[in-house]
Amino acid sequence: MVAFEHPHPHGALAPTAHLELPFFEDAHRALANGLVAWAREQRVDETDDRAACKDWVRRLGAAGWLRYCVPEAHGGALPALDSRALVILRETLAFHSPLADFAFAMQGLGSGAITLAGTPAQKAAYLPAVAAGEKIAAFALSEPEAGSDVAAMALRATPSAAGWELNGQKTWISNGGMADFYVTFAKTEPDAGARGISAFVVDADTAGLDSSAHIQVMAPHPLATLTFSGCTVAREALLGNANGGFKLAMQTLDIFRASVAAAALGMARRAFAEAVAHAKQRKMFGQTLGDFQLTQARLGEMGALIDAAAMLTYRAAWLRDRSSSCGAGTPAYTAAAAAAKLTATENAQKVIDMALQMFGGRGVQVGTVVEHLYRDIRSLRIYEGASEVQLLILGKHALKA
């Protein structure tokens, strides 16, 4: 698949009318317009997902879009991470190419913990390179027996004469096998549960780290299992406070959770655009598909599902950005981000399924836009907090109200 090629040029642009909503400011609108114009010119061969992701990182870095992943002091575009900017970027990129969105998102998620808790030396060593697209970042949290239950992780980090020795495995690691560094979470106090986890920055070429076990999934993305065998890192590799890794991981995920909703929203908008264009031109029984009331009703349902997801997504991003008193880490924001992630990913799955159904047999033809989206959207209901986890967050929030 070559990104951005589209059989209906009039429908190939990401919609921007929603940016007039009061959640956004003029700077956000300018960002979106510039990104759409840039996206129109890109042609990336995505046949090889790893080569494509490297290409996307290079392009996104050269064009300055990755500067929104890090703060201004370290090569970023804005004084601090801005959730609304991240939402706009991910929604727009996902509309055009889910793999482009993936490449962008992992630069932010993979370096986010360094932005939050890194020492001056760590920030200087990694963040400017991330912003420029010169280093590829990765976030290594999940394990074979520790996904949603993060506290069950078994990767062990023990003090050594040289610093820390890591032994164990991580899996489902995005950018695994191609990242330049991994923000890695390990148990430093094995019996302390979530309170015994620490974070480390591990360079990809560190002896004892094997990232060669690539994982193949239904929508090709660079994933791998990481094996740490006597992997020794310096004391300076510790990221943040010892045994403060769980909190740091949750803070990092909290920042980017609303942007996952935005990626789903972008995919849903693309499926909707494809469906509308198809309905207008597909001839059936002497009229177009769009002339049938059933088609109109289905398009109306798709539009409503997208609008509902959009409102929750933009609200969550706005809540985090509006002030320190109700930003990331507060119950109000955490619940808003959970509602956005849950609703946007679930609604996008429904919208894309409806779009595929509208295409009939063409919808399941490998290589078509809706077929590709149908596979791409599925993982968003799982990663960075499965839908079931978001429901639990919302339920607990309701009981505490």
Protein backbone atom coordinates (compact mmCIF):
# COMPACT_ATOMS: atom_id res chain seq x y z
CA MET A 1 0.00 0.00 0.00
CA VAL A 2 1.29 3.44 -0.91
CA ALA A 3 0.00 6.00 1.58
CA PHE A 4 -2.30 8.82 0.50
CA GLU A 5 -3.20 7.45 -2.94
CA HIS A 6 -6.94 7.81 -3.20
CA PRO A 7 -9.45 6.95 -5.92
CA HIS A 8 -11.54 10.03 -5.09
CA PRO A 9 -9.23 13.11 -4.87
CA HIS A 10 -12.06 15.31 -3.63
CA GLY A 11 -12.39 13.09 -0.55
CA ALA A 12 -8.70 12.67 0.20
CA LEU A 13 -8.27 15.66 2.48
CA ALA A 14 -8.71 15.34 6.21
CA PRO A 15 -11.77 17.36 7.30
CA THR A 16 -10.99 20.43 9.39
CA ALA A 17 -14.41 22.01 10.05
CA HIS A 18 -14.39 20.60 13.59
CA LEU A 19 -11.40 22.80 14.42
CA GLU A 20 -13.78 25.75 14.69
CA LEU A 21 -15.05 24.25 17.95
CA PRO A 22 -14.09 26.27 21.05
CA PHE A 23 -11.78 23.51 22.28
CA PHE A 24 -9.14 24.77 19.85
CA GLU A 25 -7.15 27.96 19.42
CA ASP A 26 -5.82 29.66 16.29
CA ALA A 27 -2.43 27.98 16.71
CA HIS A 28 -4.11 24.57 16.59
CA ARG A 29 -6.00 25.50 13.44
CA ALA A 30 -2.81 26.70 11.75
CA LEU A 31 -1.09 23.47 12.74
CA ALA A 32 -3.88 21.37 11.22
CA ASN A 33 -3.97 23.30 7.97
CA GLY A 34 -0.22 23.06 7.55
CA LEU A 35 -0.23 19.34 8.28
CA VAL A 36 -3.01 18.63 5.77
CA ALA A 37 -1.13 20.54 3.07
CA TRP A 38 2.07 18.60 3.85
CA ALA A 39 0.28 15.24 3.96
CA ARG A 40 -1.11 15.72 0.45
CA GLU A 41 2.40 15.68 -0.96
CA GLN A 42 3.69 12.52 0.74
CA ARG A 43 4.10 9.18 -1.02
CA VAL A 44 5.42 6.35 1.11
CA ASP A 45 5.62 2.72 0.01
CA GLU A 46 4.23 0.82 3.01
CA THR A 47 4.79 -2.69 1.63
CA ASP A 48 7.54 -3.20 4.22
CA ASP A 49 6.21 -1.83 7.51
CA ARG A 50 9.63 -1.43 9.13
CA ALA A 51 11.16 0.41 6.20
CA ALA A 52 8.01 2.54 5.94
CA CYS A 53 8.10 3.50 9.62
CA LYS A 54 11.73 4.55 9.34
CA ASP A 55 10.81 6.60 6.29
CA TRP A 56 7.89 8.21 8.12
CA VAL A 57 10.06 9.11 11.12
CA ARG A 58 12.60 10.70 8.80
CA ARG A 59 9.92 12.67 6.93
CA LEU A 60 8.05 13.74 10.06
CA GLY A 61 11.30 14.85 11.65
CA ALA A 62 12.51 16.77 8.61
CA ALA A 63 9.17 18.57 8.29
CA GLY A 64 9.19 19.57 11.98
CA TRP A 65 6.11 17.59 13.05
CA LEU A 66 8.03 15.48 15.56
CA ARG A 67 8.91 18.66 17.43
CA TYR A 68 5.42 18.44 18.97
CA CYS A 69 6.54 15.26 20.79
CA VAL A 70 9.04 17.03 23.05
CA PRO A 71 9.17 20.37 24.94
CA GLU A 72 10.65 23.52 23.45
CA ALA A 73 13.69 23.47 25.73
CA HIS A 74 14.88 20.30 23.97
CA GLY A 75 14.07 21.03 20.37
CA GLY A 76 10.28 20.96 20.62
CA ALA A 77 7.74 23.26 19.00
CA LEU A 78 5.91 24.32 22.17
CA PRO A 79 6.94 25.08 25.77
CA ALA A 80 5.34 21.82 26.96
CA LEU A 81 3.53 18.82 25.51
CA ASP A 82 0.16 20.06 24.25
CA SER A 83 -2.59 17.44 24.15
CA ARG A 84 -4.68 19.29 21.60
CA ALA A 85 -1.73 19.51 19.23
CA LEU A 86 -1.10 15.78 19.68
CA VAL A 87 -4.78 15.07 19.00
CA ILE A 88 -4.75 17.13 15.79
CA LEU A 89 -1.56 15.52 14.58
CA ARG A 90 -2.67 11.96 15.25
CA GLU A 91 -6.19 12.42 13.87
CA THR A 92 -4.86 13.97 10.66
CA LEU A 93 -2.07 11.46 10.16
CA ALA A 94 -4.34 8.49 10.88
CA PHE A 95 -6.84 9.80 8.32
CA HIS A 96 -4.14 9.52 5.67
CA SER A 97 -2.00 6.63 6.91
CA PRO A 98 -2.34 4.64 10.16
CA LEU A 99 1.35 3.75 9.82
CA ALA A 100 2.31 7.44 9.72
CA ASP A 101 0.28 7.94 12.88
CA PHE A 102 2.02 4.97 14.48
CA ALA A 103 5.46 6.38 13.65
CA PHE A 104 4.55 9.77 15.12
CA ALA A 105 2.85 8.39 18.23
CA MET A 106 5.73 6.14 19.21
CA GLN A 107 8.18 9.05 19.10
CA GLY A 108 6.00 10.76 21.69
CA LEU A 109 5.16 7.75 23.85
CA GLY A 110 8.68 6.35 23.68
CA SER A 111 10.23 9.61 24.86
CA GLY A 112 7.39 10.84 27.09
CA ALA A 113 8.82 9.42 30.30
CA ILE A 114 12.14 11.15 29.59
CA THR A 115 10.26 14.43 29.13
CA LEU A 116 8.50 13.90 32.47
CA ALA A 117 11.31 12.56 34.64
CA GLY A 118 14.61 12.58 32.78
CA THR A 119 17.76 14.18 34.13
CA PRO A 120 19.17 17.13 32.18
CA ALA A 121 21.75 14.76 30.67
CA GLN A 122 19.08 12.22 29.63
CA LYS A 123 16.91 14.90 28.08
CA ALA A 124 19.84 16.36 26.16
CA ALA A 125 20.94 12.93 24.92
CA TYR A 126 17.57 11.78 23.60
CA LEU A 127 14.90 14.45 23.18
CA PRO A 128 16.50 16.65 20.48
CA ALA A 129 17.26 13.51 18.44
CA VAL A 130 13.65 12.33 18.81
CA ALA A 131 12.35 15.72 17.67
CA ALA A 132 14.61 15.67 14.62
CA GLY A 133 13.72 12.08 13.69
CA GLU A 134 17.35 11.06 14.21
CA LYS A 135 16.56 8.52 16.94
CA ILE A 136 13.59 6.16 17.04
CA ALA A 137 11.99 5.75 20.47
CA ALA A 138 10.20 2.81 22.11
CA PHE A 139 8.19 2.23 25.30
CA ALA A 140 8.80 -1.21 26.83
CA LEU A 141 6.15 -1.98 29.44
CA SER A 142 4.19 -5.13 28.47
CA GLU A 143 5.41 -8.66 29.17
CA PRO A 144 4.21 -12.17 28.27
CA GLU A 145 2.33 -12.40 31.58
CA ALA A 146 1.90 -8.70 32.33
CA GLY A 147 -0.30 -6.68 30.00
CA SER A 148 -3.18 -4.89 31.69
CA ASP A 149 -1.81 -6.16 35.03
CA VAL A 150 1.38 -4.09 34.95
CA ALA A 151 2.29 -4.94 38.54
CA ALA A 152 2.75 -8.59 37.51
CA MET A 153 5.84 -7.80 35.44
CA ALA A 154 8.78 -10.14 35.95
CA LEU A 155 11.67 -8.35 34.22
CA ARG A 156 14.18 -7.87 37.01
CA ALA A 157 16.71 -5.07 37.45
CA THR A 158 19.32 -5.72 40.14
CA PRO A 159 22.13 -3.41 41.26
CA SER A 160 25.57 -4.37 39.96
CA ALA A 161 29.07 -2.98 40.18
CA ALA A 162 28.61 -1.24 36.84
CA GLY A 163 25.05 -0.05 37.49
CA TRP A 164 22.01 -2.27 36.89
CA GLU A 165 21.64 -5.73 35.38
CA LEU A 166 18.37 -6.53 33.58
CA ASN A 167 17.05 -10.06 33.06
CA GLY A 168 13.71 -11.09 31.59
CA GLN A 169 11.44 -10.28 28.66
CA LYS A 170 9.19 -7.61 27.23
CA THR A 171 6.74 -8.27 24.42
CA TRP A 172 4.34 -6.47 22.06
CA ILE A 173 6.92 -3.67 21.99
CA SER A 174 6.17 -1.15 19.26
CA ASN A 175 9.29 -0.23 17.25
CA GLY A 176 10.92 -3.34 18.68
CA GLY A 177 13.92 -4.30 16.61
CA MET A 178 14.25 -0.88 14.98
CA ALA A 179 14.27 1.58 17.90
CA ASP A 180 17.48 3.32 18.94
CA PHE A 181 16.51 3.19 22.62
CA TYR A 182 13.88 1.63 24.87
CA VAL A 183 12.33 3.24 27.95
CA THR A 184 12.13 0.00 29.90
CA PHE A 185 10.22 -0.77 33.10
CA ALA A 186 11.53 -3.45 35.46
CA LYS A 187 11.05 -4.77 38.98
CA THR A 188 13.65 -3.42 41.39
CA GLU A 189 11.72 -4.55 44.49
CA PRO A 190 10.15 -7.87 43.41
CA ASP A 191 7.84 -8.21 46.43
CA ALA A 192 6.54 -4.64 46.35
CA GLY A 193 4.08 -5.00 43.47
CA ALA A 194 3.47 -1.77 41.60
CA ARG A 195 5.56 0.10 44.16
CA GLY A 196 8.66 -1.89 43.21
CA ILE A 197 8.97 -0.88 39.56
CA SER A 198 11.67 1.40 38.16
CA ALA A 199 12.29 2.82 34.69
CA PHE A 200 15.51 2.73 32.68
CA VAL A 201 16.71 4.08 29.34
CA VAL A 202 18.31 1.17 27.47
CA ASP A 203 20.14 1.85 24.22
CA ALA A 204 19.38 -0.66 21.48
CA ASP A 205 23.02 -1.69 21.09
CA THR A 206 23.46 -2.55 24.79
CA ALA A 207 25.05 -5.98 25.23
CA GLY A 208 22.58 -8.56 26.49
CA LEU A 209 19.56 -7.06 24.72
CA ASP A 210 18.07 -9.15 21.90
CA SER A 211 15.27 -7.55 19.86
CA SER A 212 15.32 -9.94 16.91
CA ALA A 213 12.06 -11.77 17.69
CA HIS A 214 9.66 -9.84 15.48
CA ILE A 215 5.90 -10.28 15.91
CA GLN A 216 3.58 -10.45 12.89
CA VAL A 217 0.08 -8.99 13.34
CA MET A 218 -3.01 -8.60 11.15
CA ALA A 219 -2.24 -4.94 10.37
CA PRO A 220 1.55 -4.91 9.86
CA HIS A 221 3.38 -2.74 12.39
CA PRO A 222 6.91 -3.08 13.80
CA LEU A 223 6.52 -5.18 16.96
CA ALA A 224 8.98 -7.41 18.76
CA THR A 225 9.74 -9.37 21.90
CA LEU A 226 12.78 -8.07 23.79
CA THR A 227 14.96 -10.49 25.73
CA PHE A 228 17.31 -9.13 28.40
CA SER A 229 20.07 -11.57 29.40
CA GLY A 230 22.63 -10.07 31.73
CA CYS A 231 21.95 -6.71 30.11
CA THR A 232 23.96 -4.16 32.07
CA VAL A 233 23.25 -0.44 32.00
CA ALA A 234 24.96 2.37 33.89
CA ARG A 235 23.54 3.86 37.08
CA GLU A 236 22.73 6.95 35.03
CA ALA A 237 20.27 4.88 32.98
CA LEU A 238 17.76 4.98 35.86
CA LEU A 239 14.89 7.21 34.77
CA GLY A 240 13.16 9.14 37.55
CA ASN A 241 13.08 7.85 41.11
CA ALA A 242 13.93 4.27 42.03
CA ASN A 243 10.69 2.33 42.50
CA GLY A 244 8.75 5.21 40.94
CA GLY A 245 8.37 3.53 37.57
CA PHE A 246 4.71 2.51 37.82
CA LYS A 247 3.58 6.06 38.49
CA LEU A 248 5.81 7.33 35.68
CA ALA A 249 4.40 4.78 33.23
CA MET A 250 0.82 5.72 34.13
CA GLN A 251 1.58 9.44 33.83
CA THR A 252 3.09 8.86 30.38
CA LEU A 253 0.13 6.79 29.19
CA ASP A 254 -2.26 9.36 30.64
CA ILE A 255 -0.79 12.10 28.47
CA PHE A 256 -1.14 10.09 25.27
CA ARG A 257 -4.45 8.28 25.94
CA ALA A 258 -6.56 11.04 24.39
CA SER A 259 -4.34 10.92 21.33
CA VAL A 260 -5.15 7.21 20.87
CA ALA A 261 -8.78 8.28 20.66
CA ALA A 262 -7.77 10.83 18.05
CA ALA A 263 -6.06 8.18 15.93
CA ALA A 264 -9.26 6.11 15.98
CA LEU A 265 -11.20 9.24 15.09
CA GLY A 266 -8.96 9.87 12.09
CA MET A 267 -9.49 6.34 10.81
CA ALA A 268 -13.25 6.64 11.29
CA ARG A 269 -13.33 9.94 9.40
CA ARG A 270 -11.40 8.35 6.52
CA ALA A 271 -13.81 5.40 6.36
CA PHE A 272 -16.73 7.83 6.39
CA ALA A 273 -15.19 9.88 3.55
CA GLU A 274 -14.69 6.70 1.55
CA ALA A 275 -18.28 5.62 2.18
CA VAL A 276 -19.76 8.97 1.16
CA ALA A 277 -17.71 9.09 -2.05
CA HIS A 278 -18.72 5.51 -2.86
CA ALA A 279 -22.40 6.19 -2.16
CA LYS A 280 -22.36 9.14 -4.54
CA GLN A 281 -20.91 7.25 -7.49
CA ARG A 282 -22.04 3.63 -7.11
CA LYS A 283 -24.88 2.93 -9.56
CA MET A 284 -27.60 0.48 -8.53
CA PHE A 285 -31.05 -0.12 -10.01
CA GLY A 286 -30.96 3.05 -12.05
CA GLN A 287 -29.85 5.34 -9.23
CA THR A 288 -26.89 5.86 -6.93
CA LEU A 289 -26.34 3.97 -3.70
CA GLY A 290 -26.74 7.27 -1.91
CA ASP A 291 -30.29 7.68 -3.20
CA PHE A 292 -31.49 4.79 -1.05
CA GLN A 293 -32.91 5.77 2.32
CA LEU A 294 -31.16 2.86 4.00
CA THR A 295 -27.80 4.24 2.82
CA GLN A 296 -28.69 7.71 4.05
CA ALA A 297 -29.67 6.34 7.44
CA ARG A 298 -26.42 4.38 7.70
CA LEU A 299 -24.36 7.45 6.80
CA GLY A 300 -26.29 9.44 9.39
CA GLU A 301 -25.47 6.86 12.05
CA MET A 302 -21.79 6.88 11.10
CA GLY A 303 -21.66 10.67 11.28
CA ALA A 304 -23.29 10.71 14.72
CA LEU A 305 -20.87 8.08 16.06
CA ILE A 306 -17.93 10.15 14.80
CA ASP A 307 -19.26 13.38 16.30
CA ALA A 308 -19.83 11.74 19.70
CA ALA A 309 -16.28 10.38 19.72
CA ALA A 310 -14.87 13.73 18.60
CA MET A 311 -16.53 15.67 21.42
CA LEU A 312 -15.15 13.34 24.07
CA THR A 313 -11.68 13.30 22.49
CA TYR A 314 -11.40 17.07 22.23
CA ARG A 315 -12.82 17.54 25.73
CA ALA A 316 -10.16 15.24 27.19
CA ALA A 317 -7.34 17.05 25.40
CA TRP A 318 -8.74 20.46 26.38
CA LEU A 319 -9.05 19.37 30.02
CA ARG A 320 -5.40 18.41 30.17
CA ASP A 321 -4.22 21.60 28.51
CA ARG A 322 -6.45 24.17 30.16
CA SER A 323 -4.58 24.51 33.46
CA SER A 324 -2.44 22.71 35.98
CA SER A 325 -5.40 22.52 38.36
CA CYS A 326 -7.30 20.13 36.12
CA GLY A 327 -4.62 18.66 33.94
CA ALA A 328 -3.06 15.23 33.60
CA GLY A 329 -3.17 13.05 36.67
CA THR A 330 -6.38 14.49 38.11
CA PRO A 331 -9.45 12.22 38.43
CA ALA A 332 -11.43 14.47 36.07
CA TYR A 333 -8.85 14.19 33.30
CA THR A 334 -8.22 10.47 33.82
CA ALA A 335 -11.94 9.77 33.52
CA ALA A 336 -12.30 12.06 30.50
CA ALA A 337 -9.38 10.38 28.74
CA ALA A 338 -10.80 6.93 29.51
CA ALA A 339 -14.21 7.93 28.13
CA ALA A 340 -12.57 9.32 24.99
CA LYS A 341 -10.38 6.30 24.39
CA LEU A 342 -13.23 3.86 24.98
CA THR A 343 -15.82 5.67 22.88
CA ALA A 344 -13.59 6.70 19.99
CA THR A 345 -12.07 3.26 19.45
CA GLU A 346 -15.35 1.37 19.83
CA ASN A 347 -17.22 3.84 17.61
CA ALA A 348 -14.49 3.79 14.98
CA GLN A 349 -14.73 0.00 14.81
CA LYS A 350 -18.47 0.33 14.14
CA VAL A 351 -18.06 3.09 11.56
CA ILE A 352 -15.37 1.23 9.63
CA ASP A 353 -17.42 -1.97 9.68
CA MET A 354 -20.43 -0.06 8.29
CA ALA A 355 -18.26 1.48 5.57
CA LEU A 356 -16.89 -1.91 4.56
CA GLN A 357 -20.41 -3.34 4.41
CA MET A 358 -21.45 -0.49 2.14
CA PHE A 359 -18.70 -1.43 -0.31
CA GLY A 360 -19.97 -5.01 -0.48
CA GLY A 361 -17.48 -7.46 -1.99
CA ARG A 362 -15.07 -4.66 -2.81
CA GLY A 363 -14.79 -3.91 0.89
CA VAL A 364 -12.96 -7.15 1.66
CA GLN A 365 -10.59 -6.92 -1.29
CA VAL A 366 -7.04 -6.77 0.07
CA GLY A 367 -5.43 -3.42 -0.61
CA THR A 368 -8.55 -1.26 -0.59
CA VAL A 369 -8.70 1.60 1.90
CA VAL A 370 -11.63 0.26 3.94
CA GLU A 371 -10.13 -3.24 4.11
CA HIS A 372 -6.88 -1.79 5.40
CA LEU A 373 -8.73 0.35 7.97
CA TYR A 374 -10.76 -2.66 9.09
CA ARG A 375 -7.53 -4.39 10.12
CA ASP A 376 -5.82 -1.27 11.43
CA ILE A 377 -8.54 -0.20 13.85
CA ARG A 378 -8.80 -3.46 15.75
CA SER A 379 -5.64 -3.09 17.85
CA LEU A 380 -6.65 0.37 19.12
CA ARG A 381 -9.34 -1.23 21.29
CA ILE A 382 -6.57 -3.17 23.05
CA TYR A 383 -3.33 -1.23 23.31
CA GLU A 384 -2.59 1.51 25.85
CA GLY A 385 -5.46 0.27 28.00
CA ALA A 386 -8.05 -2.15 26.61
CA SER A 387 -11.70 -1.07 26.45
CA GLU A 388 -12.43 -3.21 29.50
CA VAL A 389 -9.78 -1.34 31.50
CA GLN A 390 -11.30 2.00 30.48
CA LEU A 391 -14.71 0.77 31.68
CA LEU A 392 -13.20 -0.09 35.05
CA ILE A 393 -11.59 3.36 35.31
CA LEU A 394 -14.93 5.01 34.56
CA GLY A 395 -16.84 2.76 36.96
CA LYS A 396 -14.46 3.45 39.84
CA HIS A 397 -14.60 7.17 39.08
CA ALA A 398 -18.40 7.08 39.24
CA LEU A 399 -18.37 5.34 42.63
CA LYS A 400 -15.97 7.92 44.05
CA ALA A 401 -18.05 10.86 42.86
